[in-house]
Amino acid sequence: MKKVAFSILVGILSTGLFAQDLTFPNWVDIVTGTTLEWNITSYGMDVINTSGMSLSLRVEKNQIVTVNTTGYYFCWGPTCQDTDDTLSTETVVMADGDTNTTFLSYARISSNSSNAGISTIEYCFFDINGDIADFCVNQYFDVSYVSGLLESEIKEQSFKVSAQRGAVLVSVNKATENLRVNIYDTTGRLVSSQVSSDMRNVRVSTEGFPAGGYVVSVVSSQKVIGSKSVILLQ
């Protein structure tokens, strides 16, 4: 199937990818992180059907440039794929004008310098009936190595995590700008990401989360303070 070219529009207000058949209004092509993090993720991208017809879409992953033992994952529809999967399990049917919010891409790394570098992963959206050309986009995962000095600076900060009915509470020992809390399930899938205007305390709703174990990662200005496990009860 023929691949369609795309253009990246960068402006003051937005970044996006646009084509005749599919539109990605909030696509961010470069995702950054450090070797201290467990996952770095695109946080999900909207996909809009602008083809003028109903489409049945699947996604194919092509690992163009990889870095050492880093694993590359994506979600489409209700299912997230393992790093060895190259094709989405799900076919998502989208009527003309529909917006789908389920696409997510992320890289899982381990804490060592050999996993620093830039990966290039291509995601191709295609209609199973061949009604439109394939639409392929690149995701770049830029992982930088965190030195021992920076790691010690980060560890000067500490945080506490507590679970209550319907929420996870996070408090840090120092006032912190751009405080973000990410929650991952046991498969490594990002299930919640929240930025707080409060520089010391964050309350993240877990309404609707299945009972079980989760990992809470706390990030300050793109520096990972740390990660802790938490058990959510029904």
Protein backbone atom coordinates (compact mmCIF):
# COMPACT_ATOMS: atom_id res chain seq x y z
CA MET A 1 0.00 0.00 0.00
CA LYS A 2 1.18 3.50 -0.85
CA LYS A 3 2.41 5.72 1.96
CA VAL A 4 1.26 9.33 2.01
CA ALA A 5 3.63 12.14 2.86
CA PHE A 6 2.91 14.50 5.73
CA SER A 7 4.00 17.95 6.83
CA ILE A 8 4.80 19.21 10.32
CA LEU A 9 3.28 22.58 11.13
CA VAL A 10 4.96 24.35 14.03
CA GLY A 11 3.49 27.59 15.30
CA ILE A 12 2.93 29.66 18.38
CA LEU A 13 -0.36 27.98 19.23
CA SER A 14 -0.12 24.40 18.02
CA THR A 15 1.83 21.58 16.46
CA GLY A 16 0.11 19.03 14.26
CA LEU A 17 0.12 16.75 11.25
CA PHE A 18 -2.37 17.22 8.47
CA ALA A 19 -3.25 15.17 5.39
CA GLN A 20 -6.27 14.85 3.16
CA ASP A 21 -7.59 11.73 4.92
CA LEU A 22 -6.33 11.87 8.53
CA THR A 23 -5.46 14.75 10.86
CA PHE A 24 -3.35 14.67 14.03
CA PRO A 25 -3.97 18.14 15.52
CA ASN A 26 -1.81 17.79 18.64
CA TRP A 27 0.97 15.51 17.39
CA VAL A 28 4.34 16.10 19.07
CA ASP A 29 7.07 14.26 17.21
CA ILE A 30 9.87 14.42 19.83
CA VAL A 31 9.36 12.93 23.30
CA THR A 32 12.17 13.50 25.81
CA GLY A 33 13.19 11.66 28.95
CA THR A 34 16.14 10.43 30.99
CA THR A 35 17.66 7.07 31.90
CA LEU A 36 16.23 7.47 35.41
CA GLU A 37 12.70 7.05 34.10
CA TRP A 38 10.78 3.82 33.75
CA ASN A 39 8.69 4.95 30.78
CA ILE A 40 8.62 7.99 28.53
CA THR A 41 5.40 8.51 26.66
CA SER A 42 3.71 10.65 24.03
CA TYR A 43 0.70 11.01 26.39
CA GLY A 44 -1.66 10.12 23.52
CA MET A 45 -2.56 11.85 20.29
CA ASP A 46 -5.96 12.59 18.74
CA VAL A 47 -6.66 11.09 15.30
CA ILE A 48 -9.41 12.72 13.18
CA ASN A 49 -10.99 11.09 10.13
CA THR A 50 -11.15 13.81 7.44
CA SER A 51 -11.44 11.44 4.48
CA GLY A 52 -15.13 11.99 3.75
CA MET A 53 -15.92 8.31 4.33
CA SER A 54 -16.01 5.70 7.09
CA LEU A 55 -12.62 4.07 7.75
CA SER A 56 -11.54 0.84 9.49
CA LEU A 57 -8.07 1.67 10.79
CA ARG A 58 -5.23 -0.41 12.15
CA VAL A 59 -1.71 0.70 13.10
CA GLU A 60 1.62 -0.82 12.09
CA LYS A 61 4.81 -0.09 14.04
CA ASN A 62 8.19 0.03 12.28
CA GLN A 63 11.30 0.34 14.47
CA ILE A 64 13.62 2.37 12.24
CA VAL A 65 16.30 3.29 14.79
CA THR A 66 16.42 1.61 18.19
CA VAL A 67 18.66 2.03 21.24
CA ASN A 68 20.09 -1.01 23.00
CA THR A 69 17.48 -2.73 25.25
CA THR A 70 14.79 -0.05 25.07
CA GLY A 71 11.31 -1.45 24.35
CA TYR A 72 8.79 0.37 22.17
CA TYR A 73 5.04 0.08 22.73
CA PHE A 74 1.82 1.59 21.43
CA CYS A 75 -1.92 1.49 22.08
CA TRP A 76 -4.77 1.69 19.58
CA GLY A 77 -8.38 1.18 20.56
CA PRO A 78 -8.81 -0.65 23.89
CA THR A 79 -5.62 -2.73 23.50
CA CYS A 80 -1.96 -1.89 24.12
CA GLN A 81 0.63 -3.85 22.19
CA ASP A 82 3.78 -5.49 23.53
CA THR A 83 7.21 -4.38 22.33
CA ASP A 84 7.44 -7.39 19.99
CA ASP A 85 4.12 -6.57 18.30
CA THR A 86 4.30 -4.72 15.00
CA LEU A 87 0.58 -4.61 14.22
CA SER A 88 -2.34 -3.43 16.33
CA THR A 89 -4.74 -6.10 17.53
CA GLU A 90 -7.68 -3.76 17.16
CA THR A 91 -9.39 -2.36 14.07
CA VAL A 92 -10.98 0.96 14.99
CA VAL A 93 -13.97 2.01 12.88
CA MET A 94 -14.22 5.79 12.47
CA ALA A 95 -17.04 7.59 10.72
CA ASP A 96 -16.19 10.68 8.70
CA GLY A 97 -15.40 13.51 11.12
CA ASP A 98 -14.87 11.22 14.11
CA THR A 99 -12.02 11.83 16.57
CA ASN A 100 -10.26 8.89 18.23
CA THR A 101 -8.23 9.55 21.38
CA THR A 102 -6.81 6.08 22.10
CA PHE A 103 -3.47 6.23 20.27
CA LEU A 104 -0.50 6.27 22.63
CA SER A 105 3.17 5.53 22.06
CA TYR A 106 5.83 5.03 24.69
CA ALA A 107 9.34 3.68 25.27
CA ARG A 108 10.34 1.63 28.29
CA ILE A 109 13.95 2.09 29.31
CA SER A 110 16.30 0.83 32.02
CA SER A 111 18.53 2.94 34.24
CA ASN A 112 21.89 2.73 32.52
CA SER A 113 23.89 4.90 30.14
CA SER A 114 23.68 2.40 27.27
CA ASN A 115 19.99 3.26 26.82
CA ALA A 116 20.71 6.94 26.17
CA GLY A 117 20.18 8.11 22.61
CA ILE A 118 17.51 8.93 20.05
CA SER A 119 15.16 6.26 18.72
CA THR A 120 13.00 6.62 15.61
CA ILE A 121 9.76 4.67 15.52
CA GLU A 122 7.33 4.90 12.60
CA TYR A 123 3.60 4.37 13.11
CA CYS A 124 1.53 3.76 9.96
CA PHE A 125 -2.26 4.11 10.05
CA PHE A 126 -3.98 2.15 7.30
CA ASP A 127 -7.53 1.32 6.25
CA ILE A 128 -8.03 -2.47 6.08
CA ASN A 129 -10.18 -2.01 2.96
CA GLY A 130 -7.53 0.03 1.17
CA ASP A 131 -9.81 3.05 0.74
CA ILE A 132 -7.02 5.52 1.58
CA ALA A 133 -3.23 5.51 1.31
CA ASP A 134 -1.23 4.58 4.40
CA PHE A 135 -0.49 7.58 6.62
CA CYS A 136 2.84 7.21 8.45
CA VAL A 137 4.27 9.40 11.20
CA ASN A 138 7.58 9.26 13.07
CA GLN A 139 7.96 9.38 16.84
CA TYR A 140 11.40 10.27 18.17
CA PHE A 141 12.27 9.19 21.73
CA ASP A 142 15.17 11.32 22.95
CA VAL A 143 16.62 9.76 26.11
CA SER A 144 19.50 11.52 27.84
CA TYR A 145 21.83 9.93 30.38
CA VAL A 146 21.54 11.32 33.93
CA SER A 147 24.93 11.64 35.60
CA GLY A 148 25.60 10.69 39.19
CA LEU A 149 25.81 14.38 40.15
CA LEU A 150 22.40 15.19 38.71
CA GLU A 151 20.98 12.04 40.25
CA SER A 152 22.16 13.13 43.71
CA GLU A 153 20.57 16.55 43.17
CA ILE A 154 17.29 14.90 42.27
CA LYS A 155 17.45 12.65 45.32
CA GLU A 156 17.55 15.72 47.58
CA GLN A 157 13.85 15.81 46.84
CA SER A 158 11.56 13.19 48.32
CA PHE A 159 7.88 12.48 48.11
CA LYS A 160 5.15 10.45 49.76
CA VAL A 161 2.33 8.55 48.09
CA SER A 162 -0.87 7.47 49.77
CA ALA A 163 -3.99 5.85 48.36
CA GLN A 164 -7.52 6.62 49.46
CA ARG A 165 -10.88 5.72 48.00
CA GLY A 166 -10.99 7.14 44.48
CA ALA A 167 -7.66 8.99 44.54
CA VAL A 168 -3.89 8.90 44.96
CA LEU A 169 -2.31 11.68 47.01
CA VAL A 170 1.27 12.80 46.34
CA SER A 171 3.22 15.29 48.48
CA VAL A 172 6.82 16.44 47.92
CA ASN A 173 9.18 17.78 50.57
CA LYS A 174 10.18 20.89 48.57
CA ALA A 175 8.05 23.32 46.58
CA THR A 176 8.44 22.23 42.96
CA GLU A 177 7.45 23.92 39.70
CA ASN A 178 5.87 21.98 36.83
CA LEU A 179 5.04 19.08 39.13
CA ARG A 180 3.65 16.11 37.16
CA VAL A 181 2.38 12.77 38.47
CA ASN A 182 2.25 9.79 36.10
CA ILE A 183 0.51 6.54 37.05
CA TYR A 184 1.28 3.26 35.26
CA ASP A 185 -0.48 -0.08 35.55
CA THR A 186 1.37 -3.40 35.91
CA THR A 187 1.77 -3.73 32.12
CA GLY A 188 3.62 -0.41 31.98
CA ARG A 189 0.71 1.42 30.36
CA LEU A 190 0.28 5.06 31.33
CA VAL A 191 -3.22 5.32 32.81
CA SER A 192 -3.09 8.86 34.21
CA SER A 193 -0.90 11.96 33.88
CA GLN A 194 -1.62 15.15 35.78
CA VAL A 195 0.19 18.46 36.17
CA SER A 196 -0.49 20.39 39.38
CA SER A 197 -0.54 24.13 39.99
CA ASP A 198 0.10 23.31 43.65
CA MET A 199 3.88 23.00 43.94
CA ARG A 200 3.85 20.49 46.82
CA ASN A 201 0.66 18.42 46.72
CA VAL A 202 -1.18 16.59 43.95
CA ARG A 203 -4.46 14.68 44.13
CA VAL A 204 -4.97 12.31 41.17
CA SER A 205 -8.40 10.77 40.69
CA THR A 206 -8.42 6.99 40.32
CA GLU A 207 -12.17 6.65 39.86
CA GLY A 208 -12.85 3.69 37.59
CA PHE A 209 -9.38 2.17 38.01
CA PRO A 210 -9.41 -1.61 38.55
CA ALA A 211 -8.13 -2.76 41.94
CA GLY A 212 -4.47 -3.81 41.94
CA GLY A 213 -0.90 -2.57 41.84
CA TYR A 214 0.25 0.64 40.14
CA VAL A 215 3.48 2.63 39.82
CA VAL A 216 3.39 6.35 40.64
CA SER A 217 6.16 8.42 39.01
CA VAL A 218 6.77 12.02 40.09
CA VAL A 219 8.44 14.41 37.63
CA SER A 220 9.62 17.98 38.19
CA SER A 221 10.52 20.13 35.18
CA GLN A 222 11.33 16.96 33.16
CA LYS A 223 13.51 15.57 36.00
CA VAL A 224 12.27 12.38 37.62
CA ILE A 225 12.11 12.66 41.41
CA GLY A 226 11.29 8.97 41.75
CA SER A 227 8.75 6.19 41.43
CA LYS A 228 6.82 4.24 44.07
CA SER A 229 4.36 1.39 44.05
CA VAL A 230 0.83 1.72 45.37
CA ILE A 231 -2.06 -0.70 45.81
CA LEU A 232 -5.56 0.46 44.92
CA LEU A 233 -8.53 -1.24 46.53
CA GLN A 234 -12.08 -1.37 45.21
